[in-house]
PDB file of N, CA and C in Angstrom:
ATOM      1  N   MET A   1      -5.588  59.848 -35.680  1.00  0.00           N
ATOM      2  CA  MET A   1      -4.857  58.743 -35.103  1.00  0.00           C
ATOM      3  C   MET A   1      -5.205  58.627 -33.624  1.00  0.00           C
ATOM      4  N   ASN A   2      -5.228  57.437 -33.180  1.00  0.00           N
ATOM      5  CA  ASN A   2      -5.556  57.155 -31.794  1.00  0.00           C
ATOM      6  C   ASN A   2      -4.270  57.181 -30.960  1.00  0.00           C
ATOM      7  N   GLY A   3      -4.088  58.210 -30.164  1.00  0.00           N
ATOM      8  CA  GLY A   3      -2.877  58.379 -29.367  1.00  0.00           C
ATOM      9  C   GLY A   3      -2.668  57.277 -28.352  1.00  0.00           C
ATOM     10  N   ARG A   4      -3.751  56.816 -27.754  1.00  0.00           N
ATOM     11  CA  ARG A   4      -3.629  55.759 -26.746  1.00  0.00           C
ATOM     12  C   ARG A   4      -3.155  54.452 -27.380  1.00  0.00           C
ATOM     13  N   ALA A   5      -3.659  54.155 -28.563  1.00  0.00           N
ATOM     14  CA  ALA A   5      -3.236  52.934 -29.258  1.00  0.00           C
ATOM     15  C   ALA A   5      -1.760  53.012 -29.635  1.00  0.00           C
ATOM     16  N   ILE A   6      -1.334  54.165 -30.116  1.00  0.00           N
ATOM     17  CA  ILE A   6       0.069  54.334 -30.484  1.00  0.00           C
ATOM     18  C   ILE A   6       0.963  54.184 -29.257  1.00  0.00           C
ATOM     19  N   LEU A   7       0.565  54.783 -28.149  1.00  0.00           N
ATOM     20  CA  LEU A   7       1.341  54.670 -26.914  1.00  0.00           C
ATOM     21  C   LEU A   7       1.389  53.224 -26.421  1.00  0.00           C
ATOM     22  N   THR A   8       0.287  52.506 -26.539  1.00  0.00           N
ATOM     23  CA  THR A   8       0.244  51.104 -26.125  1.00  0.00           C
ATOM     24  C   THR A   8       1.188  50.262 -26.970  1.00  0.00           C
ATOM     25  N   ILE A   9       1.157  50.455 -28.281  1.00  0.00           N
ATOM     26  CA  ILE A   9       2.047  49.704 -29.167  1.00  0.00           C
ATOM     27  C   ILE A   9       3.500  50.061 -28.881  1.00  0.00           C
ATOM     28  N   PHE A  10       3.773  51.341 -28.679  1.00  0.00           N
ATOM     29  CA  PHE A  10       5.131  51.779 -28.363  1.00  0.00           C
ATOM     30  C   PHE A  10       5.624  51.118 -27.077  1.00  0.00           C
ATOM     31  N   ASN A  11       4.809  51.126 -26.039  1.00  0.00           N
ATOM     32  CA  ASN A  11       5.200  50.511 -24.762  1.00  0.00           C
ATOM     33  C   ASN A  11       5.429  49.015 -24.913  1.00  0.00           C
ATOM     34  N   PHE A  12       4.571  48.352 -25.685  1.00  0.00           N
ATOM     35  CA  PHE A  12       4.732  46.914 -25.914  1.00  0.00           C
ATOM     36  C   PHE A  12       6.048  46.629 -26.638  1.00  0.00           C
ATOM     37  N   GLU A  13       6.343  47.403 -27.667  1.00  0.00           N
ATOM     38  CA  GLU A  13       7.573  47.191 -28.433  1.00  0.00           C
ATOM     39  C   GLU A  13       8.817  47.499 -27.602  1.00  0.00           C
ATOM     40  N   MET A  14       8.767  48.512 -26.776  1.00  0.00           N
ATOM     41  CA  MET A  14       9.909  48.819 -25.915  1.00  0.00           C
ATOM     42  C   MET A  14      10.123  47.712 -24.880  1.00  0.00           C
ATOM     43  N   ALA A  15       9.046  47.168 -24.347  1.00  0.00           N
ATOM     44  CA  ALA A  15       9.169  46.057 -23.395  1.00  0.00           C
ATOM     45  C   ALA A  15       9.777  44.837 -24.083  1.00  0.00           C
ATOM     46  N   ARG A  16       9.352  44.562 -25.308  1.00  0.00           N
ATOM     47  CA  ARG A  16       9.911  43.439 -26.070  1.00  0.00           C
ATOM     48  C   ARG A  16      11.389  43.673 -26.348  1.00  0.00           C
ATOM     49  N   PHE A  17      11.740  44.890 -26.708  1.00  0.00           N
ATOM     50  CA  PHE A  17      13.132  45.236 -26.985  1.00  0.00           C
ATOM     51  C   PHE A  17      14.011  44.979 -25.766  1.00  0.00           C
ATOM     52  N   TRP A  18      13.567  45.379 -24.596  1.00  0.00           N
ATOM     53  CA  TRP A  18      14.379  45.207 -23.392  1.00  0.00           C
ATOM     54  C   TRP A  18      14.366  43.778 -22.869  1.00  0.00           C
ATOM     55  N   ARG A  19      13.374  42.964 -23.251  1.00  0.00           N
ATOM     56  CA  ARG A  19      13.372  41.548 -22.865  1.00  0.00           C
ATOM     57  C   ARG A  19      14.382  40.757 -23.677  1.00  0.00           C
ATOM     58  N   THR A  20      14.627  41.180 -24.903  1.00  0.00           N
ATOM     59  CA  THR A  20      15.497  40.431 -25.804  1.00  0.00           C
ATOM     60  C   THR A  20      16.593  41.325 -26.378  1.00  0.00           C
ATOM     61  N   PRO A  21      17.491  41.838 -25.535  1.00  0.00           N
ATOM     62  CA  PRO A  21      18.519  42.748 -26.065  1.00  0.00           C
ATOM     63  C   PRO A  21      19.477  42.064 -27.040  1.00  0.00           C
ATOM     64  N   TRP A  22      19.761  40.789 -26.827  1.00  0.00           N
ATOM     65  CA  TRP A  22      20.674  40.088 -27.731  1.00  0.00           C
ATOM     66  C   TRP A  22      20.093  40.034 -29.139  1.00  0.00           C
ATOM     67  N   GLU A  23      18.835  39.633 -29.253  1.00  0.00           N
ATOM     68  CA  GLU A  23      18.208  39.532 -30.564  1.00  0.00           C
ATOM     69  C   GLU A  23      17.984  40.904 -31.191  1.00  0.00           C
ATOM     70  N   SER A  24      17.793  41.913 -30.362  1.00  0.00           N
ATOM     71  CA  SER A  24      17.494  43.249 -30.873  1.00  0.00           C
ATOM     72  C   SER A  24      18.736  44.018 -31.301  1.00  0.00           C
ATOM     73  N   LEU A  25      19.843  43.831 -30.614  1.00  0.00           N
ATOM     74  CA  LEU A  25      21.038  44.631 -30.887  1.00  0.00           C
ATOM     75  C   LEU A  25      22.217  43.817 -31.404  1.00  0.00           C
ATOM     76  N   ALA A  26      22.600  42.823 -30.658  1.00  0.00           N
ATOM     77  CA  ALA A  26      23.840  42.119 -30.965  1.00  0.00           C
ATOM     78  C   ALA A  26      23.741  41.245 -32.213  1.00  0.00           C
ATOM     79  N   ALA A  27      22.637  40.574 -32.411  1.00  0.00           N
ATOM     80  CA  ALA A  27      22.517  39.673 -33.557  1.00  0.00           C
ATOM     81  C   ALA A  27      22.668  40.400 -34.898  1.00  0.00           C
ATOM     82  N   PRO A  28      22.013  41.533 -35.130  1.00  0.00           N
ATOM     83  CA  PRO A  28      22.234  42.234 -36.400  1.00  0.00           C
ATOM     84  C   PRO A  28      23.670  42.738 -36.570  1.00  0.00           C
ATOM     85  N   VAL A  29      24.297  43.151 -35.486  1.00  0.00           N
ATOM     86  CA  VAL A  29      25.681  43.628 -35.569  1.00  0.00           C
ATOM     87  C   VAL A  29      26.608  42.476 -35.932  1.00  0.00           C
ATOM     88  N   VAL A  30      26.443  41.337 -35.266  1.00  0.00           N
ATOM     89  CA  VAL A  30      27.277  40.170 -35.550  1.00  0.00           C
ATOM     90  C   VAL A  30      27.058  39.702 -36.983  1.00  0.00           C
ATOM     91  N   SER A  31      25.829  39.684 -37.427  1.00  0.00           N
ATOM     92  CA  SER A  31      25.517  39.273 -38.792  1.00  0.00           C
ATOM     93  C   SER A  31      26.195  40.176 -39.821  1.00  0.00           C
ATOM     94  N   THR A  32      26.154  41.466 -39.603  1.00  0.00           N
ATOM     95  CA  THR A  32      26.781  42.415 -40.527  1.00  0.00           C
ATOM     96  C   THR A  32      28.293  42.259 -40.542  1.00  0.00           C
ATOM     97  N   VAL A  33      28.891  42.098 -39.373  1.00  0.00           N
ATOM     98  CA  VAL A  33      30.345  41.924 -39.299  1.00  0.00           C
ATOM     99  C   VAL A  33      30.763  40.642 -40.011  1.00  0.00           C
ATOM    100  N   LEU A  34      30.023  39.558 -39.812  1.00  0.00           N
ATOM    101  CA  LEU A  34      30.340  38.310 -40.505  1.00  0.00           C
ATOM    102  C   LEU A  34      30.229  38.468 -42.014  1.00  0.00           C
ATOM    103  N   TYR A  35      29.232  39.197 -42.475  1.00  0.00           N
ATOM    104  CA  TYR A  35      29.066  39.453 -43.908  1.00  0.00           C
ATOM    105  C   TYR A  35      30.301  40.165 -44.460  1.00  0.00           C
ATOM    106  N   PHE A  36      30.738  41.221 -43.776  1.00  0.00           N
ATOM    107  CA  PHE A  36      31.909  41.965 -44.235  1.00  0.00           C
ATOM    108  C   PHE A  36      33.157  41.092 -44.243  1.00  0.00           C
ATOM    109  N   VAL A  37      33.338  40.290 -43.210  1.00  0.00           N
ATOM    110  CA  VAL A  37      34.535  39.457 -43.106  1.00  0.00           C
ATOM    111  C   VAL A  37      34.535  38.378 -44.181  1.00  0.00           C
ATOM    112  N   VAL A  38      33.427  37.677 -44.342  1.00  0.00           N
ATOM    113  CA  VAL A  38      33.367  36.570 -45.298  1.00  0.00           C
ATOM    114  C   VAL A  38      33.512  37.077 -46.728  1.00  0.00           C
ATOM    115  N   PHE A  39      32.716  38.055 -47.112  1.00  0.00           N
ATOM    116  CA  PHE A  39      32.800  38.538 -48.482  1.00  0.00           C
ATOM    117  C   PHE A  39      34.076  39.334 -48.722  1.00  0.00           C
ATOM    118  N   GLY A  40      34.566  40.010 -47.719  1.00  0.00           N
ATOM    119  CA  GLY A  40      35.826  40.722 -47.872  1.00  0.00           C
ATOM    120  C   GLY A  40      36.981  39.773 -48.119  1.00  0.00           C
ATOM    121  N   ALA A  41      36.987  38.643 -47.421  1.00  0.00           N
ATOM    122  CA  ALA A  41      38.060  37.663 -47.589  1.00  0.00           C
ATOM    123  C   ALA A  41      37.887  36.856 -48.871  1.00  0.00           C
ATOM    124  N   ALA A  42      36.663  36.471 -49.185  1.00  0.00           N
ATOM    125  CA  ALA A  42      36.421  35.608 -50.337  1.00  0.00           C
ATOM    126  C   ALA A  42      36.465  36.366 -51.660  1.00  0.00           C
ATOM    127  N   ILE A  43      35.871  37.521 -51.704  1.00  0.00           N
ATOM    128  CA  ILE A  43      35.752  38.251 -52.962  1.00  0.00           C
ATOM    129  C   ILE A  43      36.760  39.385 -53.056  1.00  0.00           C
ATOM    130  N   GLY A  44      37.051  40.013 -51.943  1.00  0.00           N
ATOM    131  CA  GLY A  44      37.907  41.195 -51.950  1.00  0.00           C
ATOM    132  C   GLY A  44      39.291  40.962 -52.516  1.00  0.00           C
ATOM    133  N   THR A  45      39.834  39.769 -52.319  1.00  0.00           N
ATOM    134  CA  THR A  45      41.170  39.492 -52.843  1.00  0.00           C
ATOM    135  C   THR A  45      41.155  39.263 -54.344  1.00  0.00           C
ATOM    136  N   ARG A  46      40.003  38.964 -54.919  1.00  0.00           N
ATOM    137  CA  ARG A  46      39.902  38.667 -56.352  1.00  0.00           C
ATOM    138  C   ARG A  46      39.481  39.864 -57.193  1.00  0.00           C
ATOM    139  N   ILE A  47      39.041  40.916 -56.549  1.00  0.00           N
ATOM    140  CA  ILE A  47      38.566  42.092 -57.278  1.00  0.00           C
ATOM    141  C   ILE A  47      39.652  43.158 -57.252  1.00  0.00           C
ATOM    142  N   GLN A  48      39.916  43.714 -58.416  1.00  0.00           N
ATOM    143  CA  GLN A  48      40.923  44.769 -58.505  1.00  0.00           C
ATOM    144  C   GLN A  48      40.325  46.095 -58.060  1.00  0.00           C
ATOM    145  N   SER A  49      41.201  47.024 -57.739  1.00  0.00           N
ATOM    146  CA  SER A  49      40.752  48.368 -57.366  1.00  0.00           C
ATOM    147  C   SER A  49      40.179  49.075 -58.589  1.00  0.00           C
ATOM    148  N   VAL A  50      39.117  49.805 -58.378  1.00  0.00           N
ATOM    149  CA  VAL A  50      38.503  50.596 -59.440  1.00  0.00           C
ATOM    150  C   VAL A  50      38.662  52.057 -59.059  1.00  0.00           C
ATOM    151  N   GLU A  51      39.367  52.799 -59.885  1.00  0.00           N
ATOM    152  CA  GLU A  51      39.643  54.211 -59.634  1.00  0.00           C
ATOM    153  C   GLU A  51      40.250  54.417 -58.243  1.00  0.00           C
ATOM    154  N   ASP A  52      41.206  53.578 -57.915  1.00  0.00           N
ATOM    155  CA  ASP A  52      41.935  53.626 -56.639  1.00  0.00           C
ATOM    156  C   ASP A  52      41.052  53.417 -55.411  1.00  0.00           C
ATOM    157  N   VAL A  53      39.931  52.734 -55.573  1.00  0.00           N
ATOM    158  CA  VAL A  53      39.066  52.394 -54.441  1.00  0.00           C
ATOM    159  C   VAL A  53      39.044  50.877 -54.326  1.00  0.00           C
ATOM    160  N   SER A  54      39.503  50.366 -53.189  1.00  0.00           N
ATOM    161  CA  SER A  54      39.518  48.920 -52.990  1.00  0.00           C
ATOM    162  C   SER A  54      38.109  48.406 -52.692  1.00  0.00           C
ATOM    163  N   TYR A  55      37.954  47.087 -52.790  1.00  0.00           N
ATOM    164  CA  TYR A  55      36.654  46.471 -52.527  1.00  0.00           C
ATOM    165  C   TYR A  55      36.213  46.731 -51.090  1.00  0.00           C
ATOM    166  N   GLY A  56      37.120  46.591 -50.141  1.00  0.00           N
ATOM    167  CA  GLY A  56      36.782  46.815 -48.732  1.00  0.00           C
ATOM    168  C   GLY A  56      36.322  48.234 -48.461  1.00  0.00           C
ATOM    169  N   ALA A  57      37.009  49.201 -49.050  1.00  0.00           N
ATOM    170  CA  ALA A  57      36.607  50.602 -48.868  1.00  0.00           C
ATOM    171  C   ALA A  57      35.262  50.872 -49.521  1.00  0.00           C
ATOM    172  N   PHE A  58      35.003  50.236 -50.647  1.00  0.00           N
ATOM    173  CA  PHE A  58      33.728  50.424 -51.335  1.00  0.00           C
ATOM    174  C   PHE A  58      32.569  49.864 -50.516  1.00  0.00           C
ATOM    175  N   ILE A  59      32.754  48.693 -49.943  1.00  0.00           N
ATOM    176  CA  ILE A  59      31.687  48.054 -49.168  1.00  0.00           C
ATOM    177  C   ILE A  59      31.383  48.839 -47.905  1.00  0.00           C
ATOM    178  N   VAL A  60      32.417  49.306 -47.221  1.00  0.00           N
ATOM    179  CA  VAL A  60      32.201  50.049 -45.977  1.00  0.00           C
ATOM    180  C   VAL A  60      31.687  51.415 -46.319  1.00  0.00           C
TER     181      VAL A  60
END
């Protein structure tokens, strides 16, 4: 493996990560939270507990 190439790619990706922190960190977190909220509210109330485990506990 070419160490210099790996270091160059790593540096490029880290620079991209720090240029776009919202897209790199916050967007996936917000997307996941919205998924839990929407499906938890829409489906969770209609699904019964299975072996004393609720839908919300199962998803998390």
